[in-house]
Amino acid sequence: MIVIKTSKEIEFMQESGRIVALAHEMIKNAIKPGITTGELDAIAEAIIRENGATPSFKGYHGYPASICASVNEQVIHGIPGGTTLKEGDIISIDIGAFKNGYHADAARTHPVGKVNDKALELIKVTEESFFEGLKYCRVGYRLSDVSHAIQKYAEEKGFGVVRDFVGHGIGRQMHEDPPIPNYGAPGRGPRLEKGMALAIEPMINSGDFKVRVLDDEWTVETIDRSLSAHYENTVIITDGDPLIITFSNDEVESC
C-alpha cells in the first residue's frame, strides 16, 4: 500500500532530509586518497547524531554501519571498514537519517582525486538520468514513466541499468511501497499523487547491467567488474514541481 504523506509528515521528512544532505556535504569534503571507508562512516554517523537523528541503515536487517560505501565495481551496500581509497577510485555513498519518526535517503558517487574520463562520464550520466526521471515526478504520470526515462537516457549513453535492485517509497519505514525500477516500459504502474514520497535511485554500470551479491550478503558488485555509480534523492510529489528534500544548499542553488 502506498502511504500518502500529510503536510506535517513532509515537514518531518524534510528535517531528516536536511540531515542527510549535511552528512553528504561533510563526506564529500573528506573524500581523498588515503582515507578509509570506515573513517567516512564515522564522519557521517557523528553528523547524523549531532543533529538529533539516528542512522537509518545501522542495524537494519543486521547491517553493521551507518552508511553504504561502494568502491569502483561495487554497486550498492558496500560495508565501510578498512578499505583505503586511492587516486582514481570512484566511491558511491548512500546515507539515510531517521528523526521524528521519519526517514530520508540519498546517495552520491564521487571521484577520488583525479579519475579517468570514462568514470567521470559514468558519474555524470547517472546523475543526469535521475533528473530525466524527475521530469515525470508530477501528478498524473505513471510510476513507470519515471523508470522508463531513466533507462532510456542511460542506455542511449551506452551504459547498463541495474535490474536487480530498485528505488522505493519512504516515510515511517525505510522501504515502503511502491518499488521504483530504473527500467521498463512507460505508462504502467500507479499514477503519481500529491503526497507520495519516493526514493528514486539510478544505479548505472559502465558495462553490463548484471550484478551479484558477495559472500558478506550485503555488497553488490558488477559481474563483469565494470565501474558502477549511484545517485539518489528523496522526492515528494506536490501539486506542481517535485520537491527534493535531500539537496544541500549548494545543490539547490545549482539547479
C-alpha atoms as a PDB file:
ATOM      1  CA  MET A   1       0.000   0.000   0.000  1.00  0.00           C
ATOM      2  CA  ILE A   2       1.309   3.435  -0.936  1.00  0.00           C
ATOM      3  CA  VAL A   3       1.179   5.826   2.031  1.00  0.00           C
ATOM      4  CA  ILE A   4       0.268   9.419   1.152  1.00  0.00           C
ATOM      5  CA  LYS A   5       2.049  11.874   3.458  1.00  0.00           C
ATOM      6  CA  THR A   6       0.375  14.822   5.146  1.00  0.00           C
ATOM      7  CA  SER A   7       1.979  18.265   5.157  1.00  0.00           C
ATOM      8  CA  LYS A   8       3.146  17.683   8.745  1.00  0.00           C
ATOM      9  CA  GLU A   9       4.722  14.361   7.831  1.00  0.00           C
ATOM     10  CA  ILE A  10       6.506  16.026   4.922  1.00  0.00           C
ATOM     11  CA  GLU A  11       7.902  18.638   7.334  1.00  0.00           C
ATOM     12  CA  PHE A  12       9.331  15.854   9.486  1.00  0.00           C
ATOM     13  CA  MET A  13      10.813  14.197   6.416  1.00  0.00           C
ATOM     14  CA  GLN A  14      12.351  17.499   5.322  1.00  0.00           C
ATOM     15  CA  GLU A  15      14.251  17.678   8.592  1.00  0.00           C
ATOM     16  CA  SER A  16      15.588  14.160   8.064  1.00  0.00           C
ATOM     17  CA  GLY A  17      16.470  15.135   4.504  1.00  0.00           C
ATOM     18  CA  ARG A  18      18.358  18.198   5.708  1.00  0.00           C
ATOM     19  CA  ILE A  19      20.498  15.995   7.926  1.00  0.00           C
ATOM     20  CA  VAL A  20      21.180  13.533   5.108  1.00  0.00           C
ATOM     21  CA  ALA A  21      22.285  16.416   2.869  1.00  0.00           C
ATOM     22  CA  LEU A  22      24.558  17.788   5.599  1.00  0.00           C
ATOM     23  CA  ALA A  23      26.181  14.381   6.085  1.00  0.00           C
ATOM     24  CA  HIS A  24      26.759  14.116   2.339  1.00  0.00           C
ATOM     25  CA  GLU A  25      28.417  17.538   2.284  1.00  0.00           C
ATOM     26  CA  MET A  26      30.798  16.515   5.060  1.00  0.00           C
ATOM     27  CA  ILE A  27      31.609  13.220   3.349  1.00  0.00           C
ATOM     28  CA  LYS A  28      32.254  14.932   0.010  1.00  0.00           C
ATOM     29  CA  ASN A  29      34.722  17.302   1.654  1.00  0.00           C
ATOM     30  CA  ALA A  30      36.509  14.404   3.376  1.00  0.00           C
ATOM     31  CA  ILE A  31      36.964  12.109   0.367  1.00  0.00           C
ATOM     32  CA  LYS A  32      40.599  11.975  -0.733  1.00  0.00           C
ATOM     33  CA  PRO A  33      43.261   9.368  -1.393  1.00  0.00           C
ATOM     34  CA  GLY A  34      44.357   7.725   1.853  1.00  0.00           C
ATOM     35  CA  ILE A  35      41.116   7.979   3.821  1.00  0.00           C
ATOM     36  CA  THR A  36      39.352   4.749   4.750  1.00  0.00           C
ATOM     37  CA  THR A  37      35.686   3.993   4.199  1.00  0.00           C
ATOM     38  CA  GLY A  38      35.424   3.378   7.946  1.00  0.00           C
ATOM     39  CA  GLU A  39      36.568   6.929   8.620  1.00  0.00           C
ATOM     40  CA  LEU A  40      33.886   8.227   6.250  1.00  0.00           C
ATOM     41  CA  ASP A  41      31.305   6.159   8.109  1.00  0.00           C
ATOM     42  CA  ALA A  42      32.356   7.721  11.423  1.00  0.00           C
ATOM     43  CA  ILE A  43      32.070  11.231   9.972  1.00  0.00           C
ATOM     44  CA  ALA A  44      28.531  10.609   8.724  1.00  0.00           C
ATOM     45  CA  GLU A  45      27.351   8.966  11.929  1.00  0.00           C
ATOM     46  CA  ALA A  46      28.667  11.834  14.036  1.00  0.00           C
ATOM     47  CA  ILE A  47      26.846  14.436  11.924  1.00  0.00           C
ATOM     48  CA  ILE A  48      23.603  12.461  11.959  1.00  0.00           C
ATOM     49  CA  ARG A  49      23.642  12.013  15.738  1.00  0.00           C
ATOM     50  CA  GLU A  50      24.759  15.597  16.434  1.00  0.00           C
ATOM     51  CA  ASN A  51      21.588  16.710  14.657  1.00  0.00           C
ATOM     52  CA  GLY A  52      19.306  14.584  16.822  1.00  0.00           C
ATOM     53  CA  ALA A  53      18.768  11.789  14.301  1.00  0.00           C
ATOM     54  CA  THR A  54      19.854   8.167  14.053  1.00  0.00           C
ATOM     55  CA  PRO A  55      21.400   6.439  11.020  1.00  0.00           C
ATOM     56  CA  SER A  56      18.629   4.679   9.110  1.00  0.00           C
ATOM     57  CA  PHE A  57      20.904   1.887   7.943  1.00  0.00           C
ATOM     58  CA  LYS A  58      22.704   0.885  11.145  1.00  0.00           C
ATOM     59  CA  GLY A  59      21.165  -2.340  12.394  1.00  0.00           C
ATOM     60  CA  TYR A  60      18.697  -2.515   9.503  1.00  0.00           C
ATOM     61  CA  HIS A  61      18.308  -6.260   8.954  1.00  0.00           C
ATOM     62  CA  GLY A  62      21.660  -6.543  10.695  1.00  0.00           C
ATOM     63  CA  TYR A  63      23.576  -4.048   8.547  1.00  0.00           C
ATOM     64  CA  PRO A  64      26.646  -3.091  10.618  1.00  0.00           C
ATOM     65  CA  ALA A  65      27.360   0.512   9.581  1.00  0.00           C
ATOM     66  CA  SER A  66      25.805   3.959   9.239  1.00  0.00           C
ATOM     67  CA  ILE A  67      26.479   4.434   5.521  1.00  0.00           C
ATOM     68  CA  CYS A  68      26.969   2.266   2.475  1.00  0.00           C
ATOM     69  CA  ALA A  69      30.357   2.877   0.834  1.00  0.00           C
ATOM     70  CA  SER A  70      30.698   1.120  -2.531  1.00  0.00           C
ATOM     71  CA  VAL A  71      34.006   1.443  -4.367  1.00  0.00           C
ATOM     72  CA  ASN A  72      34.568   1.066  -8.127  1.00  0.00           C
ATOM     73  CA  GLU A  73      32.786  -2.117  -9.326  1.00  0.00           C
ATOM     74  CA  GLN A  74      30.691  -2.228  -6.141  1.00  0.00           C
ATOM     75  CA  VAL A  75      27.163  -1.073  -6.951  1.00  0.00           C
ATOM     76  CA  ILE A  76      25.484  -0.674  -3.550  1.00  0.00           C
ATOM     77  CA  HIS A  77      25.588  -1.849   0.065  1.00  0.00           C
ATOM     78  CA  GLY A  78      29.368  -1.810   0.383  1.00  0.00           C
ATOM     79  CA  ILE A  79      30.217  -2.150   4.089  1.00  0.00           C
ATOM     80  CA  PRO A  80      32.636   0.564   5.263  1.00  0.00           C
ATOM     81  CA  GLY A  81      35.743  -0.520   7.133  1.00  0.00           C
ATOM     82  CA  GLY A  82      39.438  -0.762   6.408  1.00  0.00           C
ATOM     83  CA  THR A  83      39.319  -0.123   2.668  1.00  0.00           C
ATOM     84  CA  THR A  84      41.653   2.782   1.854  1.00  0.00           C
ATOM     85  CA  LEU A  85      40.673   4.984  -1.064  1.00  0.00           C
ATOM     86  CA  LYS A  86      43.277   5.593  -3.725  1.00  0.00           C
ATOM     87  CA  GLU A  87      43.730   8.050  -6.565  1.00  0.00           C
ATOM     88  CA  GLY A  88      41.483   7.156  -9.487  1.00  0.00           C
ATOM     89  CA  ASP A  89      38.821   5.303  -7.489  1.00  0.00           C
ATOM     90  CA  ILE A  90      35.177   6.258  -7.504  1.00  0.00           C
ATOM     91  CA  ILE A  91      33.013   5.751  -4.429  1.00  0.00           C
ATOM     92  CA  SER A  92      29.235   5.679  -4.021  1.00  0.00           C
ATOM     93  CA  ILE A  93      27.997   6.868  -0.626  1.00  0.00           C
ATOM     94  CA  ASP A  94      24.430   6.083   0.471  1.00  0.00           C
ATOM     95  CA  ILE A  95      23.120   7.768   3.630  1.00  0.00           C
ATOM     96  CA  GLY A  96      19.810   7.588   5.497  1.00  0.00           C
ATOM     97  CA  ALA A  97      18.683   9.502   8.590  1.00  0.00           C
ATOM     98  CA  PHE A  98      15.726   8.898  10.902  1.00  0.00           C
ATOM     99  CA  LYS A  99      14.245  11.680  13.028  1.00  0.00           C
ATOM    100  CA  ASN A 100      10.790  12.409  14.455  1.00  0.00           C
ATOM    101  CA  GLY A 101       9.639   9.017  13.207  1.00  0.00           C
ATOM    102  CA  TYR A 102      10.539   9.555   9.536  1.00  0.00           C
ATOM    103  CA  HIS A 103      13.365   8.596   7.194  1.00  0.00           C
ATOM    104  CA  ALA A 104      15.112  10.320   4.298  1.00  0.00           C
ATOM    105  CA  ASP A 105      17.625   8.690   1.981  1.00  0.00           C
ATOM    106  CA  ALA A 106      20.121   9.859  -0.646  1.00  0.00           C
ATOM    107  CA  ALA A 107      23.211   8.637  -2.496  1.00  0.00           C
ATOM    108  CA  ARG A 108      26.051  10.296  -4.388  1.00  0.00           C
ATOM    109  CA  THR A 109      29.058   8.986  -6.317  1.00  0.00           C
ATOM    110  CA  HIS A 110      32.362  10.853  -6.019  1.00  0.00           C
ATOM    111  CA  PRO A 111      35.729  10.702  -7.773  1.00  0.00           C
ATOM    112  CA  VAL A 112      38.752  10.133  -5.561  1.00  0.00           C
ATOM    113  CA  GLY A 113      41.412  12.547  -6.737  1.00  0.00           C
ATOM    114  CA  LYS A 114      41.866  12.521 -10.493  1.00  0.00           C
ATOM    115  CA  VAL A 115      39.870   9.825 -12.289  1.00  0.00           C
ATOM    116  CA  ASN A 116      39.649   8.854 -15.944  1.00  0.00           C
ATOM    117  CA  ASP A 117      37.158  10.371 -18.363  1.00  0.00           C
ATOM    118  CA  LYS A 118      35.023   7.223 -18.574  1.00  0.00           C
ATOM    119  CA  ALA A 119      34.494   7.240 -14.811  1.00  0.00           C
ATOM    120  CA  LEU A 120      33.595  10.930 -14.841  1.00  0.00           C
ATOM    121  CA  GLU A 121      31.119  10.335 -17.642  1.00  0.00           C
ATOM    122  CA  LEU A 122      29.520   7.468 -15.707  1.00  0.00           C
ATOM    123  CA  ILE A 123      29.053   9.652 -12.631  1.00  0.00           C
ATOM    124  CA  LYS A 124      27.604  12.469 -14.744  1.00  0.00           C
ATOM    125  CA  VAL A 125      25.201  10.268 -16.716  1.00  0.00           C
ATOM    126  CA  THR A 126      23.965   8.541 -13.562  1.00  0.00           C
ATOM    127  CA  GLU A 127      23.075  11.906 -12.030  1.00  0.00           C
ATOM    128  CA  GLU A 128      21.550  13.156 -15.268  1.00  0.00           C
ATOM    129  CA  SER A 129      19.401  10.025 -15.579  1.00  0.00           C
ATOM    130  CA  PHE A 130      17.861  10.843 -12.200  1.00  0.00           C
ATOM    131  CA  PHE A 131      16.854  14.278 -13.486  1.00  0.00           C
ATOM    132  CA  GLU A 132      15.390  12.738 -16.631  1.00  0.00           C
ATOM    133  CA  GLY A 133      13.169  10.632 -14.386  1.00  0.00           C
ATOM    134  CA  LEU A 134      12.387  13.641 -12.211  1.00  0.00           C
ATOM    135  CA  LYS A 135      10.677  15.329 -15.182  1.00  0.00           C
ATOM    136  CA  TYR A 136       7.865  12.792 -14.761  1.00  0.00           C
ATOM    137  CA  CYS A 137       7.544  13.159 -10.973  1.00  0.00           C
ATOM    138  CA  ARG A 138       4.305  15.051 -11.305  1.00  0.00           C
ATOM    139  CA  VAL A 139       0.684  14.341 -10.537  1.00  0.00           C
ATOM    140  CA  GLY A 140      -0.941  12.254 -13.262  1.00  0.00           C
ATOM    141  CA  TYR A 141       2.106  10.492 -14.675  1.00  0.00           C
ATOM    142  CA  ARG A 142       2.525   6.797 -14.016  1.00  0.00           C
ATOM    143  CA  LEU A 143       5.398   5.438 -11.987  1.00  0.00           C
ATOM    144  CA  SER A 144       6.918   3.595 -14.926  1.00  0.00           C
ATOM    145  CA  ASP A 145       7.177   6.877 -16.837  1.00  0.00           C
ATOM    146  CA  VAL A 146       9.908   7.775 -14.323  1.00  0.00           C
ATOM    147  CA  SER A 147      11.550   4.362 -14.695  1.00  0.00           C
ATOM    148  CA  HIS A 148      11.471   4.460 -18.484  1.00  0.00           C
ATOM    149  CA  ALA A 149      13.010   7.926 -18.666  1.00  0.00           C
ATOM    150  CA  ILE A 150      15.943   6.822 -16.501  1.00  0.00           C
ATOM    151  CA  GLN A 151      16.588   3.702 -18.572  1.00  0.00           C
ATOM    152  CA  LYS A 152      16.239   5.434 -21.918  1.00  0.00           C
ATOM    153  CA  TYR A 153      18.692   8.162 -21.044  1.00  0.00           C
ATOM    154  CA  ALA A 154      21.361   5.902 -19.525  1.00  0.00           C
ATOM    155  CA  GLU A 155      21.211   3.277 -22.252  1.00  0.00           C
ATOM    156  CA  GLU A 156      21.333   5.857 -25.024  1.00  0.00           C
ATOM    157  CA  LYS A 157      24.618   7.000 -23.478  1.00  0.00           C
ATOM    158  CA  GLY A 158      25.933   3.437 -23.651  1.00  0.00           C
ATOM    159  CA  PHE A 159      25.610   2.411 -20.013  1.00  0.00           C
ATOM    160  CA  GLY A 160      23.966  -0.554 -18.275  1.00  0.00           C
ATOM    161  CA  VAL A 161      20.970  -0.096 -15.960  1.00  0.00           C
ATOM    162  CA  VAL A 162      20.863  -2.388 -12.917  1.00  0.00           C
ATOM    163  CA  ARG A 163      17.700  -4.504 -12.794  1.00  0.00           C
ATOM    164  CA  ASP A 164      18.095  -6.469  -9.567  1.00  0.00           C
ATOM    165  CA  PHE A 165      17.777  -3.509  -7.199  1.00  0.00           C
ATOM    166  CA  VAL A 166      15.310  -0.624  -7.325  1.00  0.00           C
ATOM    167  CA  GLY A 167      14.178   2.556  -5.624  1.00  0.00           C
ATOM    168  CA  HIS A 168      11.331   2.662  -3.144  1.00  0.00           C
ATOM    169  CA  GLY A 169       8.718   4.599  -1.274  1.00  0.00           C
ATOM    170  CA  ILE A 170       9.894   6.055   2.030  1.00  0.00           C
ATOM    171  CA  GLY A 171       8.447   7.571   5.197  1.00  0.00           C
ATOM    172  CA  ARG A 172       7.878   5.950   8.574  1.00  0.00           C
ATOM    173  CA  GLN A 173       9.602   2.912   7.114  1.00  0.00           C
ATOM    174  CA  MET A 174      12.895   2.979   5.268  1.00  0.00           C
ATOM    175  CA  HIS A 175      11.417   0.925   2.438  1.00  0.00           C
ATOM    176  CA  GLU A 176       7.748   1.387   1.603  1.00  0.00           C
ATOM    177  CA  ASP A 177       5.611   0.823  -1.470  1.00  0.00           C
ATOM    178  CA  PRO A 178       5.950   1.380  -4.326  1.00  0.00           C
ATOM    179  CA  PRO A 179       9.116  -0.285  -5.632  1.00  0.00           C
ATOM    180  CA  ILE A 180      10.650   2.002  -8.285  1.00  0.00           C
ATOM    181  CA  PRO A 181      12.634   0.231 -11.018  1.00  0.00           C
ATOM    182  CA  ASN A 182      15.097   2.191 -13.125  1.00  0.00           C
ATOM    183  CA  TYR A 183      13.900   0.448 -16.281  1.00  0.00           C
ATOM    184  CA  GLY A 184      10.695  -0.610 -18.015  1.00  0.00           C
ATOM    185  CA  ALA A 185       8.024   0.454 -20.472  1.00  0.00           C
ATOM    186  CA  PRO A 186       6.187   3.746 -19.871  1.00  0.00           C
ATOM    187  CA  GLY A 187       2.523   4.108 -18.961  1.00  0.00           C
ATOM    188  CA  ARG A 188       2.376   1.432 -16.276  1.00  0.00           C
ATOM    189  CA  GLY A 189       2.004   1.252 -12.522  1.00  0.00           C
ATOM    190  CA  PRO A 190       0.236   3.615 -10.120  1.00  0.00           C
ATOM    191  CA  ARG A 191      -0.468   7.196 -11.046  1.00  0.00           C
ATOM    192  CA  LEU A 192       1.563   9.679  -9.067  1.00  0.00           C
ATOM    193  CA  GLU A 193      -0.366  11.615  -6.441  1.00  0.00           C
ATOM    194  CA  LYS A 194       0.355  14.606  -4.245  1.00  0.00           C
ATOM    195  CA  GLY A 195       1.964  13.462  -1.004  1.00  0.00           C
ATOM    196  CA  MET A 196       3.829  10.446  -2.372  1.00  0.00           C
ATOM    197  CA  ALA A 197       7.390  10.203  -1.031  1.00  0.00           C
ATOM    198  CA  LEU A 198       9.765   8.385  -3.355  1.00  0.00           C
ATOM    199  CA  ALA A 199      13.439   7.445  -3.075  1.00  0.00           C
ATOM    200  CA  ILE A 200      14.485   7.457  -6.724  1.00  0.00           C
ATOM    201  CA  GLU A 201      17.934   5.955  -7.239  1.00  0.00           C
ATOM    202  CA  PRO A 202      19.503   5.124 -10.589  1.00  0.00           C
ATOM    203  CA  MET A 203      22.262   2.505 -10.316  1.00  0.00           C
ATOM    204  CA  ILE A 204      24.199   2.616 -13.565  1.00  0.00           C
ATOM    205  CA  ASN A 205      27.133   0.498 -14.771  1.00  0.00           C
ATOM    206  CA  SER A 206      29.816   1.346 -17.300  1.00  0.00           C
ATOM    207  CA  GLY A 207      29.457  -2.203 -18.650  1.00  0.00           C
ATOM    208  CA  ASP A 208      26.729  -4.842 -18.463  1.00  0.00           C
ATOM    209  CA  PHE A 209      23.746  -4.453 -16.139  1.00  0.00           C
ATOM    210  CA  LYS A 210      24.214  -7.820 -14.391  1.00  0.00           C
ATOM    211  CA  VAL A 211      25.253  -7.873 -10.738  1.00  0.00           C
ATOM    212  CA  ARG A 212      25.860 -10.329  -7.893  1.00  0.00           C
ATOM    213  CA  VAL A 213      25.799 -10.246  -4.087  1.00  0.00           C
ATOM    214  CA  LEU A 214      29.098 -11.106  -2.401  1.00  0.00           C
ATOM    215  CA  ASP A 215      29.638 -13.566   0.429  1.00  0.00           C
ATOM    216  CA  ASP A 216      29.152 -10.869   3.079  1.00  0.00           C
ATOM    217  CA  GLU A 217      25.475 -10.981   1.980  1.00  0.00           C
ATOM    218  CA  TRP A 218      25.414  -7.206   1.517  1.00  0.00           C
ATOM    219  CA  THR A 219      27.896  -5.902  -1.041  1.00  0.00           C
ATOM    220  CA  VAL A 220      26.635  -5.910  -4.626  1.00  0.00           C
ATOM    221  CA  GLU A 221      29.123  -5.741  -7.496  1.00  0.00           C
ATOM    222  CA  THR A 222      29.040  -5.872 -11.276  1.00  0.00           C
ATOM    223  CA  ILE A 223      29.647  -9.351 -12.641  1.00  0.00           C
ATOM    224  CA  ASP A 224      31.904  -8.024 -15.405  1.00  0.00           C
ATOM    225  CA  ARG A 225      33.799  -5.864 -12.863  1.00  0.00           C
ATOM    226  CA  SER A 226      32.873  -2.669 -14.669  1.00  0.00           C
ATOM    227  CA  LEU A 227      32.512   0.553 -12.691  1.00  0.00           C
ATOM    228  CA  SER A 228      29.161   1.438 -11.164  1.00  0.00           C
ATOM    229  CA  ALA A 229      27.647   4.730  -9.973  1.00  0.00           C
ATOM    230  CA  HIS A 230      24.644   5.521  -7.769  1.00  0.00           C
ATOM    231  CA  TYR A 231      22.632   8.725  -7.455  1.00  0.00           C
ATOM    232  CA  GLU A 232      19.566   9.040  -5.227  1.00  0.00           C
ATOM    233  CA  ASN A 233      17.259  11.623  -3.684  1.00  0.00           C
ATOM    234  CA  THR A 234      14.097  11.544  -1.632  1.00  0.00           C
ATOM    235  CA  VAL A 235      11.412  13.231  -3.720  1.00  0.00           C
ATOM    236  CA  ILE A 236       7.967  14.473  -2.652  1.00  0.00           C
ATOM    237  CA  ILE A 237       5.193  14.694  -5.250  1.00  0.00           C
ATOM    238  CA  THR A 238       3.382  18.045  -4.992  1.00  0.00           C
ATOM    239  CA  ASP A 239       0.716  19.937  -6.920  1.00  0.00           C
ATOM    240  CA  GLY A 240       3.497  21.385  -9.064  1.00  0.00           C
ATOM    241  CA  ASP A 241       7.233  20.811  -9.279  1.00  0.00           C
ATOM    242  CA  PRO A 242       8.588  17.824  -7.345  1.00  0.00           C
ATOM    243  CA  LEU A 243      10.263  18.661  -4.030  1.00  0.00           C
ATOM    244  CA  ILE A 244      13.725  17.182  -3.430  1.00  0.00           C
ATOM    245  CA  ILE A 245      14.261  17.094   0.336  1.00  0.00           C
ATOM    246  CA  THR A 246      17.819  15.713   0.311  1.00  0.00           C
ATOM    247  CA  PHE A 247      19.512  18.540  -1.570  1.00  0.00           C
ATOM    248  CA  SER A 248      22.221  20.621   0.082  1.00  0.00           C
ATOM    249  CA  ASN A 249      22.014  24.407  -0.236  1.00  0.00           C
ATOM    250  CA  ASP A 250      24.686  24.316  -2.937  1.00  0.00           C
ATOM    251  CA  GLU A 251      22.734  21.741  -4.929  1.00  0.00           C
ATOM    252  CA  VAL A 252      19.534  23.777  -4.724  1.00  0.00           C
ATOM    253  CA  GLU A 253      21.346  26.848  -5.979  1.00  0.00           C
ATOM    254  CA  SER A 254      22.890  24.994  -8.899  1.00  0.00           C
ATOM    255  CA  CYS A 255      19.572  23.626 -10.230  1.00  0.00           C
END
